Amino acid sequence: MKRALTQRACGDVIPVFLTMLTELKQSAFKPVAALGKTLSSWKEESARMWRLSKSNGITEGCHRKMKLIQRRADGFKNFENVRVRVKGLCG
């Protein structure tokens, strides 16, 4: 299945997704029913995930750089120096 679907393809898949959620919530096995309840509370976000093909890779890369800067920040005299370094690298 493709990651990003067209609006029409999403319209075809949504009823199947909602049926599966209902079946999960009605399960006699409590952990499965809890999973169904959790997925049901996140159903709009899940639908958006399949409709849009954007990635948060750029954000994750900046977070990684910031963690590396923070790890090496022991030598910085104040937070302003760390902030300047982060803005310079992630900018």
PDB file of N, CA and C in Angstrom:
ATOM      1  N   MET A   1       0.841  -1.178   0.000  1.00  0.00           N
ATOM      2  CA  MET A   1       0.000   0.000   0.000  1.00  0.00           C
ATOM      3  C   MET A   1       0.887   1.243   0.000  1.00  0.00           C
ATOM      4  N   LYS A   2       0.517   2.194  -0.853  1.00  0.00           N
ATOM      5  CA  LYS A   2       1.280   3.434  -0.916  1.00  0.00           C
ATOM      6  C   LYS A   2       1.115   4.225   0.368  1.00  0.00           C
ATOM      7  N   ARG A   3       2.138   4.985   0.689  1.00  0.00           N
ATOM      8  CA  ARG A   3       2.085   5.809   1.909  1.00  0.00           C
ATOM      9  C   ARG A   3       1.071   6.932   1.754  1.00  0.00           C
ATOM     10  N   ALA A   4       1.114   7.647   0.655  1.00  0.00           N
ATOM     11  CA  ALA A   4       0.195   8.766   0.442  1.00  0.00           C
ATOM     12  C   ALA A   4      -0.903   8.318  -0.510  1.00  0.00           C
ATOM     13  N   LEU A   5      -2.132   8.510  -0.117  1.00  0.00           N
ATOM     14  CA  LEU A   5      -3.263   8.132  -0.948  1.00  0.00           C
ATOM     15  C   LEU A   5      -3.945   9.384  -1.481  1.00  0.00           C
ATOM     16  N   THR A   6      -4.615   9.223  -2.609  1.00  0.00           N
ATOM     17  CA  THR A   6      -5.406  10.329  -3.123  1.00  0.00           C
ATOM     18  C   THR A   6      -6.636  10.497  -2.240  1.00  0.00           C
ATOM     19  N   GLN A   7      -7.315  11.611  -2.410  1.00  0.00           N
ATOM     20  CA  GLN A   7      -8.503  11.868  -1.604  1.00  0.00           C
ATOM     21  C   GLN A   7      -9.564  10.803  -1.871  1.00  0.00           C
ATOM     22  N   ARG A   8      -9.716  10.397  -3.121  1.00  0.00           N
ATOM     23  CA  ARG A   8     -10.701   9.372  -3.471  1.00  0.00           C
ATOM     24  C   ARG A   8     -10.330   8.023  -2.855  1.00  0.00           C
ATOM     25  N   ALA A   9      -9.042   7.671  -2.913  1.00  0.00           N
ATOM     26  CA  ALA A   9      -8.603   6.399  -2.332  1.00  0.00           C
ATOM     27  C   ALA A   9      -8.805   6.397  -0.818  1.00  0.00           C
ATOM     28  N   CYS A  10      -8.559   7.536  -0.179  1.00  0.00           N
ATOM     29  CA  CYS A  10      -8.804   7.633   1.265  1.00  0.00           C
ATOM     30  C   CYS A  10     -10.282   7.446   1.567  1.00  0.00           C
ATOM     31  N   GLY A  11     -11.139   8.008   0.718  1.00  0.00           N
ATOM     32  CA  GLY A  11     -12.576   7.845   0.903  1.00  0.00           C
ATOM     33  C   GLY A  11     -13.002   6.396   0.807  1.00  0.00           C
ATOM     34  N   ASP A  12     -12.307   5.612  -0.015  1.00  0.00           N
ATOM     35  CA  ASP A  12     -12.622   4.187  -0.140  1.00  0.00           C
ATOM     36  C   ASP A  12     -12.128   3.390   1.059  1.00  0.00           C
ATOM     37  N   VAL A  13     -11.024   3.812   1.650  1.00  0.00           N
ATOM     38  CA  VAL A  13     -10.398   3.062   2.738  1.00  0.00           C
ATOM     39  C   VAL A  13     -11.006   3.401   4.106  1.00  0.00           C
ATOM     40  N   ILE A  14     -11.547   4.590   4.254  1.00  0.00           N
ATOM     41  CA  ILE A  14     -12.060   5.030   5.561  1.00  0.00           C
ATOM     42  C   ILE A  14     -13.131   4.099   6.126  1.00  0.00           C
ATOM     43  N   PRO A  15     -14.140   3.661   5.347  1.00  0.00           N
ATOM     44  CA  PRO A  15     -15.131   2.744   5.932  1.00  0.00           C
ATOM     45  C   PRO A  15     -14.518   1.433   6.428  1.00  0.00           C
ATOM     46  N   VAL A  16     -13.525   0.932   5.713  1.00  0.00           N
ATOM     47  CA  VAL A  16     -12.851  -0.297   6.145  1.00  0.00           C
ATOM     48  C   VAL A  16     -12.126  -0.056   7.461  1.00  0.00           C
ATOM     49  N   PHE A  17     -11.450   1.073   7.559  1.00  0.00           N
ATOM     50  CA  PHE A  17     -10.726   1.431   8.781  1.00  0.00           C
ATOM     51  C   PHE A  17     -11.682   1.549   9.967  1.00  0.00           C
ATOM     52  N   LEU A  18     -12.816   2.220   9.773  1.00  0.00           N
ATOM     53  CA  LEU A  18     -13.784   2.385  10.858  1.00  0.00           C
ATOM     54  C   LEU A  18     -14.400   1.052  11.274  1.00  0.00           C
ATOM     55  N   THR A  19     -14.637   0.167  10.315  1.00  0.00           N
ATOM     56  CA  THR A  19     -15.160  -1.167  10.637  1.00  0.00           C
ATOM     57  C   THR A  19     -14.155  -1.948  11.475  1.00  0.00           C
ATOM     58  N   MET A  20     -12.893  -1.874  11.095  1.00  0.00           N
ATOM     59  CA  MET A  20     -11.853  -2.565  11.870  1.00  0.00           C
ATOM     60  C   MET A  20     -11.763  -2.010  13.287  1.00  0.00           C
ATOM     61  N   LEU A  21     -11.875  -0.693  13.433  1.00  0.00           N
ATOM     62  CA  LEU A  21     -11.843  -0.095  14.772  1.00  0.00           C
ATOM     63  C   LEU A  21     -13.007  -0.591  15.622  1.00  0.00           C
ATOM     64  N   THR A  22     -14.185  -0.677  15.032  1.00  0.00           N
ATOM     65  CA  THR A  22     -15.357  -1.165  15.762  1.00  0.00           C
ATOM     66  C   THR A  22     -15.157  -2.607  16.199  1.00  0.00           C
ATOM     67  N   GLU A  23     -14.606  -3.432  15.309  1.00  0.00           N
ATOM     68  CA  GLU A  23     -14.351  -4.836  15.654  1.00  0.00           C
ATOM     69  C   GLU A  23     -13.333  -4.950  16.786  1.00  0.00           C
ATOM     70  N   LEU A  24     -12.302  -4.113  16.749  1.00  0.00           N
ATOM     71  CA  LEU A  24     -11.304  -4.139  17.822  1.00  0.00           C
ATOM     72  C   LEU A  24     -11.927  -3.753  19.160  1.00  0.00           C
ATOM     73  N   LYS A  25     -12.738  -2.694  19.157  1.00  0.00           N
ATOM     74  CA  LYS A  25     -13.342  -2.225  20.411  1.00  0.00           C
ATOM     75  C   LYS A  25     -14.320  -3.239  20.991  1.00  0.00           C
ATOM     76  N   GLN A  26     -14.927  -4.074  20.151  1.00  0.00           N
ATOM     77  CA  GLN A  26     -15.901  -5.055  20.617  1.00  0.00           C
ATOM     78  C   GLN A  26     -15.269  -6.400  20.946  1.00  0.00           C
ATOM     79  N   SER A  27     -13.967  -6.497  20.883  1.00  0.00           N
ATOM     80  CA  SER A  27     -13.278  -7.751  21.163  1.00  0.00           C
ATOM     81  C   SER A  27     -13.462  -8.162  22.622  1.00  0.00           C
ATOM     82  N   ALA A  28     -13.549  -9.471  22.846  1.00  0.00           N
ATOM     83  CA  ALA A  28     -13.680  -9.997  24.207  1.00  0.00           C
ATOM     84  C   ALA A  28     -12.333  -9.970  24.935  1.00  0.00           C
ATOM     85  N   PHE A  29     -11.258  -9.917  24.186  1.00  0.00           N
ATOM     86  CA  PHE A  29      -9.917  -9.893  24.755  1.00  0.00           C
ATOM     87  C   PHE A  29      -9.603  -8.450  25.150  1.00  0.00           C
ATOM     88  N   LYS A  30      -9.461  -8.179  26.439  1.00  0.00           N
ATOM     89  CA  LYS A  30      -9.361  -6.805  26.949  1.00  0.00           C
ATOM     90  C   LYS A  30      -8.214  -5.988  26.345  1.00  0.00           C
ATOM     91  N   PRO A  31      -7.003  -6.557  26.192  1.00  0.00           N
ATOM     92  CA  PRO A  31      -5.939  -5.742  25.581  1.00  0.00           C
ATOM     93  C   PRO A  31      -6.271  -5.313  24.147  1.00  0.00           C
ATOM     94  N   VAL A  32      -6.941  -6.178  23.398  1.00  0.00           N
ATOM     95  CA  VAL A  32      -7.316  -5.827  22.025  1.00  0.00           C
ATOM     96  C   VAL A  32      -8.390  -4.739  22.040  1.00  0.00           C
ATOM     97  N   ALA A  33      -9.338  -4.847  22.973  1.00  0.00           N
ATOM     98  CA  ALA A  33     -10.375  -3.818  23.102  1.00  0.00           C
ATOM     99  C   ALA A  33      -9.752  -2.478  23.506  1.00  0.00           C
ATOM    100  N   ALA A  34      -8.750  -2.523  24.378  1.00  0.00           N
ATOM    101  CA  ALA A  34      -8.058  -1.289  24.777  1.00  0.00           C
ATOM    102  C   ALA A  34      -7.318  -0.679  23.589  1.00  0.00           C
ATOM    103  N   LEU A  35      -6.711  -1.529  22.762  1.00  0.00           N
ATOM    104  CA  LEU A  35      -6.046  -1.042  21.548  1.00  0.00           C
ATOM    105  C   LEU A  35      -7.057  -0.379  20.623  1.00  0.00           C
ATOM    106  N   GLY A  36      -8.220  -1.002  20.473  1.00  0.00           N
ATOM    107  CA  GLY A  36      -9.269  -0.416  19.640  1.00  0.00           C
ATOM    108  C   GLY A  36      -9.713   0.937  20.155  1.00  0.00           C
ATOM    109  N   LYS A  37      -9.826   1.058  21.469  1.00  0.00           N
ATOM    110  CA  LYS A  37     -10.231   2.333  22.069  1.00  0.00           C
ATOM    111  C   LYS A  37      -9.162   3.403  21.827  1.00  0.00           C
ATOM    112  N   THR A  38      -7.895   3.020  21.983  1.00  0.00           N
ATOM    113  CA  THR A  38      -6.793   3.959  21.756  1.00  0.00           C
ATOM    114  C   THR A  38      -6.752   4.405  20.299  1.00  0.00           C
ATOM    115  N   LEU A  39      -6.830   3.446  19.383  1.00  0.00           N
ATOM    116  CA  LEU A  39      -6.799   3.797  17.962  1.00  0.00           C
ATOM    117  C   LEU A  39      -8.005   4.643  17.569  1.00  0.00           C
ATOM    118  N   SER A  40      -9.137   4.368  18.203  1.00  0.00           N
ATOM    119  CA  SER A  40     -10.343   5.144  17.918  1.00  0.00           C
ATOM    120  C   SER A  40     -10.174   6.599  18.350  1.00  0.00           C
ATOM    121  N   SER A  41      -9.498   6.814  19.468  1.00  0.00           N
ATOM    122  CA  SER A  41      -9.293   8.191  19.923  1.00  0.00           C
ATOM    123  C   SER A  41      -8.301   8.943  19.026  1.00  0.00           C
ATOM    124  N   TRP A  42      -7.489   8.217  18.266  1.00  0.00           N
ATOM    125  CA  TRP A  42      -6.511   8.827  17.359  1.00  0.00           C
ATOM    126  C   TRP A  42      -6.904   8.642  15.890  1.00  0.00           C
ATOM    127  N   LYS A  43      -8.179   8.373  15.599  1.00  0.00           N
ATOM    128  CA  LYS A  43      -8.557   8.019  14.229  1.00  0.00           C
ATOM    129  C   LYS A  43      -8.362   9.161  13.232  1.00  0.00           C
ATOM    130  N   GLU A  44      -8.603  10.399  13.641  1.00  0.00           N
ATOM    131  CA  GLU A  44      -8.406  11.513  12.705  1.00  0.00           C
ATOM    132  C   GLU A  44      -6.932  11.667  12.340  1.00  0.00           C
ATOM    133  N   GLU A  45      -6.073  11.545  13.330  1.00  0.00           N
ATOM    134  CA  GLU A  45      -4.634  11.655  13.070  1.00  0.00           C
ATOM    135  C   GLU A  45      -4.158  10.506  12.187  1.00  0.00           C
ATOM    136  N   SER A  46      -4.694   9.306  12.422  1.00  0.00           N
ATOM    137  CA  SER A  46      -4.324   8.147  11.601  1.00  0.00           C
ATOM    138  C   SER A  46      -4.748   8.354  10.156  1.00  0.00           C
ATOM    139  N   ALA A  47      -5.940   8.903   9.954  1.00  0.00           N
ATOM    140  CA  ALA A  47      -6.412   9.164   8.591  1.00  0.00           C
ATOM    141  C   ALA A  47      -5.522  10.189   7.895  1.00  0.00           C
ATOM    142  N   ARG A  48      -5.117  11.221   8.622  1.00  0.00           N
ATOM    143  CA  ARG A  48      -4.223  12.234   8.035  1.00  0.00           C
ATOM    144  C   ARG A  48      -2.872  11.633   7.662  1.00  0.00           C
ATOM    145  N   MET A  49      -2.416  10.675   8.457  1.00  0.00           N
ATOM    146  CA  MET A  49      -1.126  10.052   8.184  1.00  0.00           C
ATOM    147  C   MET A  49      -1.138   9.396   6.803  1.00  0.00           C
ATOM    148  N   TRP A  50      -2.243   8.751   6.443  1.00  0.00           N
ATOM    149  CA  TRP A  50      -2.305   8.074   5.149  1.00  0.00           C
ATOM    150  C   TRP A  50      -2.588   9.041   4.009  1.00  0.00           C
ATOM    151  N   ARG A  51      -3.214  10.168   4.299  1.00  0.00           N
ATOM    152  CA  ARG A  51      -3.535  11.136   3.251  1.00  0.00           C
ATOM    153  C   ARG A  51      -2.316  11.969   2.867  1.00  0.00           C
ATOM    154  N   LEU A  52      -1.503  12.320   3.832  1.00  0.00           N
ATOM    155  CA  LEU A  52      -0.367  13.202   3.577  1.00  0.00           C
ATOM    156  C   LEU A  52       0.927  12.407   3.543  1.00  0.00           C
ATOM    157  N   SER A  53       1.845  12.831   2.705  1.00  0.00           N
ATOM    158  CA  SER A  53       3.099  12.081   2.559  1.00  0.00           C
ATOM    159  C   SER A  53       4.290  12.829   3.130  1.00  0.00           C
ATOM    160  N   LYS A  54       4.041  13.788   3.983  1.00  0.00           N
ATOM    161  CA  LYS A  54       5.140  14.572   4.547  1.00  0.00           C
ATOM    162  C   LYS A  54       5.887  13.762   5.602  1.00  0.00           C
ATOM    163  N   SER A  55       7.136  14.068   5.761  1.00  0.00           N
ATOM    164  CA  SER A  55       7.980  13.389   6.738  1.00  0.00           C
ATOM    165  C   SER A  55       8.517  14.419   7.728  1.00  0.00           C
ATOM    166  N   ASN A  56       8.786  13.978   8.940  1.00  0.00           N
ATOM    167  CA  ASN A  56       9.363  14.892   9.918  1.00  0.00           C
ATOM    168  C   ASN A  56      10.866  14.649  10.056  1.00  0.00           C
ATOM    169  N   GLY A  57      11.490  14.143   9.016  1.00  0.00           N
ATOM    170  CA  GLY A  57      12.913  13.849   9.045  1.00  0.00           C
ATOM    171  C   GLY A  57      13.781  15.071   9.293  1.00  0.00           C
ATOM    172  N   ILE A  58      13.404  16.207   8.736  1.00  0.00           N
ATOM    173  CA  ILE A  58      14.182  17.436   8.929  1.00  0.00           C
ATOM    174  C   ILE A  58      14.153  17.844  10.399  1.00  0.00           C
ATOM    175  N   THR A  59      12.969  17.778  11.005  1.00  0.00           N
ATOM    176  CA  THR A  59      12.840  18.131  12.424  1.00  0.00           C
ATOM    177  C   THR A  59      13.654  17.183  13.287  1.00  0.00           C
ATOM    178  N   GLU A  60      13.581  15.893  12.987  1.00  0.00           N
ATOM    179  CA  GLU A  60      14.344  14.915  13.765  1.00  0.00           C
ATOM    180  C   GLU A  60      15.846  15.157  13.622  1.00  0.00           C
ATOM    181  N   GLY A  61      16.286  15.556  12.432  1.00  0.00           N
ATOM    182  CA  GLY A  61      17.700  15.869  12.232  1.00  0.00           C
ATOM    183  C   GLY A  61      18.148  17.055  13.077  1.00  0.00           C
ATOM    184  N   CYS A  62      17.295  18.084  13.153  1.00  0.00           N
ATOM    185  CA  CYS A  62      17.622  19.248  13.997  1.00  0.00           C
ATOM    186  C   CYS A  62      17.655  18.855  15.465  1.00  0.00           C
ATOM    187  N   HIS A  63      16.717  18.009  15.887  1.00  0.00           N
ATOM    188  CA  HIS A  63      16.728  17.558  17.286  1.00  0.00           C
ATOM    189  C   HIS A  63      18.013  16.800  17.601  1.00  0.00           C
ATOM    190  N   ARG A  64      18.467  15.986  16.652  1.00  0.00           N
ATOM    191  CA  ARG A  64      19.709  15.240  16.870  1.00  0.00           C
ATOM    192  C   ARG A  64      20.900  16.191  16.995  1.00  0.00           C
ATOM    193  N   LYS A  65      20.957  17.197  16.122  1.00  0.00           N
ATOM    194  CA  LYS A  65      22.046  18.176  16.205  1.00  0.00           C
ATOM    195  C   LYS A  65      22.013  18.914  17.536  1.00  0.00           C
ATOM    196  N   MET A  66      20.799  19.278  17.984  1.00  0.00           N
ATOM    197  CA  MET A  66      20.679  19.997  19.253  1.00  0.00           C
ATOM    198  C   MET A  66      21.148  19.137  20.419  1.00  0.00           C
ATOM    199  N   LYS A  67      20.849  17.844  20.385  1.00  0.00           N
ATOM    200  CA  LYS A  67      21.307  16.952  21.456  1.00  0.00           C
ATOM    201  C   LYS A  67      22.826  16.837  21.447  1.00  0.00           C
ATOM    202  N   LEU A  68      23.420  16.766  20.254  1.00  0.00           N
ATOM    203  CA  LEU A  68      24.877  16.700  20.174  1.00  0.00           C
ATOM    204  C   LEU A  68      25.514  17.986  20.693  1.00  0.00           C
ATOM    205  N   ILE A  69      24.922  19.131  20.348  1.00  0.00           N
ATOM    206  CA  ILE A  69      25.434  20.410  20.848  1.00  0.00           C
ATOM    207  C   ILE A  69      25.317  20.457  22.364  1.00  0.00           C
ATOM    208  N   GLN A  70      24.183  20.014  22.875  1.00  0.00           N
ATOM    209  CA  GLN A  70      23.970  20.033  24.327  1.00  0.00           C
ATOM    210  C   GLN A  70      24.973  19.124  25.036  1.00  0.00           C
ATOM    211  N   ARG A  71      25.285  17.998  24.419  1.00  0.00           N
ATOM    212  CA  ARG A  71      26.245  17.075  25.017  1.00  0.00           C
ATOM    213  C   ARG A  71      27.630  17.712  25.108  1.00  0.00           C
ATOM    214  N   ARG A  72      27.954  18.539  24.104  1.00  0.00           N
ATOM    215  CA  ARG A  72      29.264  19.194  24.091  1.00  0.00           C
ATOM    216  C   ARG A  72      29.232  20.581  24.719  1.00  0.00           C
ATOM    217  N   ALA A  73      28.116  20.973  25.323  1.00  0.00           N
ATOM    218  CA  ALA A  73      27.934  22.340  25.810  1.00  0.00           C
ATOM    219  C   ALA A  73      28.563  22.601  27.169  1.00  0.00           C
ATOM    220  N   ASP A  74      29.264  21.640  27.737  1.00  0.00           N
ATOM    221  CA  ASP A  74      29.866  21.853  29.053  1.00  0.00           C
ATOM    222  C   ASP A  74      30.840  23.023  29.046  1.00  0.00           C
ATOM    223  N   GLY A  75      31.486  23.272  27.924  1.00  0.00           N
ATOM    224  CA  GLY A  75      32.463  24.346  27.857  1.00  0.00           C
ATOM    225  C   GLY A  75      31.869  25.725  27.639  1.00  0.00           C
ATOM    226  N   PHE A  76      30.588  25.799  27.303  1.00  0.00           N
ATOM    227  CA  PHE A  76      29.965  27.104  27.078  1.00  0.00           C
ATOM    228  C   PHE A  76      29.715  27.796  28.402  1.00  0.00           C
ATOM    229  N   LYS A  77      29.973  29.096  28.425  1.00  0.00           N
ATOM    230  CA  LYS A  77      29.850  29.843  29.678  1.00  0.00           C
ATOM    231  C   LYS A  77      28.408  30.188  30.024  1.00  0.00           C
ATOM    232  N   ASN A  78      27.547  30.334  28.998  1.00  0.00           N
ATOM    233  CA  ASN A  78      26.145  30.642  29.279  1.00  0.00           C
ATOM    234  C   ASN A  78      25.248  30.060  28.184  1.00  0.00           C
ATOM    235  N   PHE A  79      23.954  30.121  28.415  1.00  0.00           N
ATOM    236  CA  PHE A  79      22.999  29.528  27.482  1.00  0.00           C
ATOM    237  C   PHE A  79      22.976  30.256  26.147  1.00  0.00           C
ATOM    238  N   GLU A  80      23.259  31.534  26.151  1.00  0.00           N
ATOM    239  CA  GLU A  80      23.238  32.312  24.907  1.00  0.00           C
ATOM    240  C   GLU A  80      24.205  31.723  23.881  1.00  0.00           C
ATOM    241  N   ASN A  81      25.359  31.249  24.334  1.00  0.00           N
ATOM    242  CA  ASN A  81      26.322  30.634  23.420  1.00  0.00           C
ATOM    243  C   ASN A  81      25.763  29.347  22.818  1.00  0.00           C
ATOM    244  N   VAL A  82      25.044  28.574  23.624  1.00  0.00           N
ATOM    245  CA  VAL A  82      24.420  27.344  23.118  1.00  0.00           C
ATOM    246  C   VAL A  82      23.343  27.713  22.098  1.00  0.00           C
ATOM    247  N   ARG A  83      22.547  28.720  22.406  1.00  0.00           N
ATOM    248  CA  ARG A  83      21.469  29.145  21.514  1.00  0.00           C
ATOM    249  C   ARG A  83      22.019  29.599  20.165  1.00  0.00           C
ATOM    250  N   VAL A  84      23.101  30.347  20.187  1.00  0.00           N
ATOM    251  CA  VAL A  84      23.723  30.815  18.942  1.00  0.00           C
ATOM    252  C   VAL A  84      24.216  29.628  18.123  1.00  0.00           C
ATOM    253  N   ARG A  85      24.815  28.661  18.773  1.00  0.00           N
ATOM    254  CA  ARG A  85      25.307  27.474  18.072  1.00  0.00           C
ATOM    255  C   ARG A  85      24.154  26.700  17.428  1.00  0.00           C
ATOM    256  N   VAL A  86      23.049  26.525  18.161  1.00  0.00           N
ATOM    257  CA  VAL A  86      21.887  25.805  17.621  1.00  0.00           C
ATOM    258  C   VAL A  86      21.307  26.557  16.428  1.00  0.00           C
ATOM    259  N   LYS A  87      21.144  27.868  16.548  1.00  0.00           N
ATOM    260  CA  LYS A  87      20.604  28.654  15.435  1.00  0.00           C
ATOM    261  C   LYS A  87      21.527  28.598  14.224  1.00  0.00           C
ATOM    262  N   GLY A  88      22.821  28.544  14.463  1.00  0.00           N
ATOM    263  CA  GLY A  88      23.768  28.468  13.362  1.00  0.00           C
ATOM    264  C   GLY A  88      23.711  27.147  12.619  1.00  0.00           C
ATOM    265  N   LEU A  89      23.529  26.061  13.341  1.00  0.00           N
ATOM    266  CA  LEU A  89      23.520  24.743  12.707  1.00  0.00           C
ATOM    267  C   LEU A  89      22.145  24.326  12.196  1.00  0.00           C
ATOM    268  N   CYS A  90      21.104  24.722  12.883  1.00  0.00           N
ATOM    269  CA  CYS A  90      19.751  24.287  12.506  1.00  0.00           C
ATOM    270  C   CYS A  90      18.945  25.388  11.836  1.00  0.00           C
ATOM    271  N   GLY A  91      19.410  26.575  11.889  1.00  0.00           N
ATOM    272  CA  GLY A  91      18.873  27.716  11.452  1.00  0.00           C
ATOM    273  C   GLY A  91      17.828  28.279  10.758  1.00  0.00           C
TER     274      GLY A  91
END
